[in-house]
Amino acid sequence: MSEPETKSPDADPPPVLRFERRQCDRWPIGGVATAFELGGDGFGRTHSMTLVDYSPAGMGAVSQSPIAPGTAISVGFQSPGHPARRGAVSRCLPCGHGYRVAVVFEQRMAA
């Protein structure tokens, strides 16, 4: 009978499980976009954003100015092939180069 295997204290910790709530994968993307606030006190305010990732359901970007979570926005993309999308900011957190913004796009209605 063999001895049970023991791990040294210097061994790698077990991998951290990532609990992903997104229903669509996001892909890294480059480029810039402009967010236009659609309501509230900030109606008409624009925000320049550097894109980080994108999916049909949402996107991540870095904005130079904060956008309050829950704010309805229209996003225009500089890159050809990406039509403007409407959505809502789900998260806005300070980061090293501005604010990390997460946007959930409105789902398009079937005809």
C-alpha atoms as a PDB file:
ATOM      1  CA  MET A   1       0.000   0.000   0.000  1.00  0.00           C
ATOM      2  CA  SER A   2       1.391   3.400  -0.964  1.00  0.00           C
ATOM      3  CA  GLU A   3       1.595   6.519   1.160  1.00  0.00           C
ATOM      4  CA  PRO A   4      -1.092   9.190   0.558  1.00  0.00           C
ATOM      5  CA  GLU A   5       0.180  12.042  -1.578  1.00  0.00           C
ATOM      6  CA  THR A   6       0.788  15.262   0.333  1.00  0.00           C
ATOM      7  CA  LYS A   7       1.162  18.667  -1.241  1.00  0.00           C
ATOM      8  CA  SER A   8       3.871  21.032  -0.226  1.00  0.00           C
ATOM      9  CA  PRO A   9       2.854  24.475   1.075  1.00  0.00           C
ATOM     10  CA  ASP A  10       4.594  25.955  -1.999  1.00  0.00           C
ATOM     11  CA  ALA A  11       2.346  24.066  -4.431  1.00  0.00           C
ATOM     12  CA  ASP A  12       0.120  26.041  -6.779  1.00  0.00           C
ATOM     13  CA  PRO A  13      -3.265  26.892  -5.291  1.00  0.00           C
ATOM     14  CA  PRO A  14      -6.283  25.228  -6.885  1.00  0.00           C
ATOM     15  CA  PRO A  15      -7.644  27.123  -9.887  1.00  0.00           C
ATOM     16  CA  VAL A  16     -10.242  29.761  -9.141  1.00  0.00           C
ATOM     17  CA  LEU A  17     -13.648  29.009 -10.566  1.00  0.00           C
ATOM     18  CA  ARG A  18     -15.046  31.814 -12.661  1.00  0.00           C
ATOM     19  CA  PHE A  19     -18.794  32.230 -12.312  1.00  0.00           C
ATOM     20  CA  GLU A  20     -19.775  33.692 -15.647  1.00  0.00           C
ATOM     21  CA  ARG A  21     -23.209  35.260 -15.947  1.00  0.00           C
ATOM     22  CA  ARG A  22     -22.895  36.275 -19.577  1.00  0.00           C
ATOM     23  CA  GLN A  23     -24.996  34.253 -21.959  1.00  0.00           C
ATOM     24  CA  CYS A  24     -22.793  35.099 -24.960  1.00  0.00           C
ATOM     25  CA  ASP A  25     -19.019  35.007 -25.186  1.00  0.00           C
ATOM     26  CA  ARG A  26     -17.297  38.345 -25.671  1.00  0.00           C
ATOM     27  CA  TRP A  27     -14.372  38.751 -28.040  1.00  0.00           C
ATOM     28  CA  PRO A  28     -11.491  41.200 -27.684  1.00  0.00           C
ATOM     29  CA  ILE A  29     -11.938  44.167 -29.985  1.00  0.00           C
ATOM     30  CA  GLY A  30     -10.042  47.347 -30.648  1.00  0.00           C
ATOM     31  CA  GLY A  31     -11.262  50.727 -31.750  1.00  0.00           C
ATOM     32  CA  VAL A  32     -13.264  53.583 -30.378  1.00  0.00           C
ATOM     33  CA  ALA A  33     -16.928  54.373 -29.915  1.00  0.00           C
ATOM     34  CA  THR A  34     -19.049  57.255 -28.709  1.00  0.00           C
ATOM     35  CA  ALA A  35     -21.826  56.810 -26.156  1.00  0.00           C
ATOM     36  CA  PHE A  36     -24.718  59.272 -26.202  1.00  0.00           C
ATOM     37  CA  GLU A  37     -26.861  59.483 -23.049  1.00  0.00           C
ATOM     38  CA  LEU A  38     -30.561  59.089 -23.878  1.00  0.00           C
ATOM     39  CA  GLY A  39     -32.270  60.290 -20.708  1.00  0.00           C
ATOM     40  CA  GLY A  40     -32.105  61.837 -17.280  1.00  0.00           C
ATOM     41  CA  ASP A  41     -29.997  64.797 -16.238  1.00  0.00           C
ATOM     42  CA  GLY A  42     -27.227  63.773 -18.622  1.00  0.00           C
ATOM     43  CA  PHE A  43     -29.399  63.670 -21.765  1.00  0.00           C
ATOM     44  CA  GLY A  44     -27.248  64.481 -24.779  1.00  0.00           C
ATOM     45  CA  ARG A  45     -23.919  64.109 -22.954  1.00  0.00           C
ATOM     46  CA  THR A  46     -21.366  62.176 -25.013  1.00  0.00           C
ATOM     47  CA  HIS A  47     -18.570  59.920 -23.828  1.00  0.00           C
ATOM     48  CA  SER A  48     -15.587  58.802 -25.904  1.00  0.00           C
ATOM     49  CA  MET A  49     -14.779  55.150 -25.233  1.00  0.00           C
ATOM     50  CA  THR A  50     -11.965  52.763 -26.118  1.00  0.00           C
ATOM     51  CA  LEU A  51     -13.396  49.324 -26.843  1.00  0.00           C
ATOM     52  CA  VAL A  52     -12.164  46.301 -24.883  1.00  0.00           C
ATOM     53  CA  ASP A  53     -14.544  43.458 -25.780  1.00  0.00           C
ATOM     54  CA  TYR A  54     -17.788  42.915 -27.690  1.00  0.00           C
ATOM     55  CA  SER A  55     -20.591  40.392 -28.180  1.00  0.00           C
ATOM     56  CA  PRO A  56     -24.067  40.527 -29.700  1.00  0.00           C
ATOM     57  CA  ALA A  57     -25.424  41.011 -26.147  1.00  0.00           C
ATOM     58  CA  GLY A  58     -23.038  43.646 -24.777  1.00  0.00           C
ATOM     59  CA  MET A  59     -19.623  45.245 -24.659  1.00  0.00           C
ATOM     60  CA  GLY A  60     -16.880  46.422 -22.373  1.00  0.00           C
ATOM     61  CA  ALA A  61     -15.025  49.707 -22.826  1.00  0.00           C
ATOM     62  CA  VAL A  62     -12.936  52.315 -21.053  1.00  0.00           C
ATOM     63  CA  SER A  63     -14.448  55.797 -20.851  1.00  0.00           C
ATOM     64  CA  GLN A  64     -12.616  58.957 -19.863  1.00  0.00           C
ATOM     65  CA  SER A  65     -15.690  60.072 -17.901  1.00  0.00           C
ATOM     66  CA  PRO A  66     -18.050  58.064 -15.660  1.00  0.00           C
ATOM     67  CA  ILE A  67     -21.487  56.930 -16.842  1.00  0.00           C
ATOM     68  CA  ALA A  68     -23.941  56.030 -14.085  1.00  0.00           C
ATOM     69  CA  PRO A  69     -25.149  52.416 -14.039  1.00  0.00           C
ATOM     70  CA  GLY A  70     -28.682  52.197 -15.399  1.00  0.00           C
ATOM     71  CA  THR A  71     -28.129  55.039 -17.878  1.00  0.00           C
ATOM     72  CA  ALA A  72     -29.697  54.385 -21.287  1.00  0.00           C
ATOM     73  CA  ILE A  73     -27.197  55.070 -24.070  1.00  0.00           C
ATOM     74  CA  SER A  74     -26.793  54.838 -27.811  1.00  0.00           C
ATOM     75  CA  VAL A  75     -23.362  53.646 -28.911  1.00  0.00           C
ATOM     76  CA  GLY A  76     -21.900  54.621 -32.269  1.00  0.00           C
ATOM     77  CA  PHE A  77     -18.847  52.676 -33.449  1.00  0.00           C
ATOM     78  CA  GLN A  78     -16.061  54.111 -35.559  1.00  0.00           C
ATOM     79  CA  SER A  79     -15.291  50.693 -37.086  1.00  0.00           C
ATOM     80  CA  PRO A  80     -17.183  49.830 -40.270  1.00  0.00           C
ATOM     81  CA  GLY A  81     -19.495  46.844 -39.946  1.00  0.00           C
ATOM     82  CA  HIS A  82     -20.674  47.698 -36.430  1.00  0.00           C
ATOM     83  CA  PRO A  83     -24.045  49.473 -36.567  1.00  0.00           C
ATOM     84  CA  ALA A  84     -25.071  51.771 -33.726  1.00  0.00           C
ATOM     85  CA  ARG A  85     -26.643  49.948 -30.766  1.00  0.00           C
ATOM     86  CA  ARG A  86     -28.843  51.012 -27.868  1.00  0.00           C
ATOM     87  CA  GLY A  87     -28.262  49.679 -24.396  1.00  0.00           C
ATOM     88  CA  ALA A  88     -27.847  50.414 -20.718  1.00  0.00           C
ATOM     89  CA  VAL A  89     -24.747  50.770 -18.583  1.00  0.00           C
ATOM     90  CA  SER A  90     -24.631  47.856 -16.151  1.00  0.00           C
ATOM     91  CA  ARG A  91     -21.355  48.720 -14.422  1.00  0.00           C
ATOM     92  CA  CYS A  92     -18.917  51.648 -14.248  1.00  0.00           C
ATOM     93  CA  LEU A  93     -15.791  51.300 -12.108  1.00  0.00           C
ATOM     94  CA  PRO A  94     -12.685  53.479 -11.878  1.00  0.00           C
ATOM     95  CA  CYS A  95      -9.620  51.956 -13.541  1.00  0.00           C
ATOM     96  CA  GLY A  96      -6.103  53.169 -14.292  1.00  0.00           C
ATOM     97  CA  HIS A  97      -7.027  54.971 -17.496  1.00  0.00           C
ATOM     98  CA  GLY A  98     -10.544  56.223 -16.756  1.00  0.00           C
ATOM     99  CA  TYR A  99     -13.644  54.150 -16.061  1.00  0.00           C
ATOM    100  CA  ARG A 100     -14.294  50.525 -17.036  1.00  0.00           C
ATOM    101  CA  VAL A 101     -17.829  50.472 -18.428  1.00  0.00           C
ATOM    102  CA  ALA A 102     -20.003  47.417 -19.124  1.00  0.00           C
ATOM    103  CA  VAL A 103     -22.971  47.844 -21.462  1.00  0.00           C
ATOM    104  CA  VAL A 104     -25.875  45.448 -22.019  1.00  0.00           C
ATOM    105  CA  PHE A 105     -27.435  45.963 -25.445  1.00  0.00           C
ATOM    106  CA  GLU A 106     -31.179  46.052 -26.006  1.00  0.00           C
ATOM    107  CA  GLN A 107     -32.354  42.880 -27.699  1.00  0.00           C
ATOM    108  CA  ARG A 108     -33.812  43.471 -31.116  1.00  0.00           C
ATOM    109  CA  MET A 109     -37.410  42.511 -31.611  1.00  0.00           C
ATOM    110  CA  ALA A 110     -38.254  40.026 -34.349  1.00  0.00           C
ATOM    111  CA  ALA A 111     -40.267  41.389 -37.255  1.00  0.00           C
END
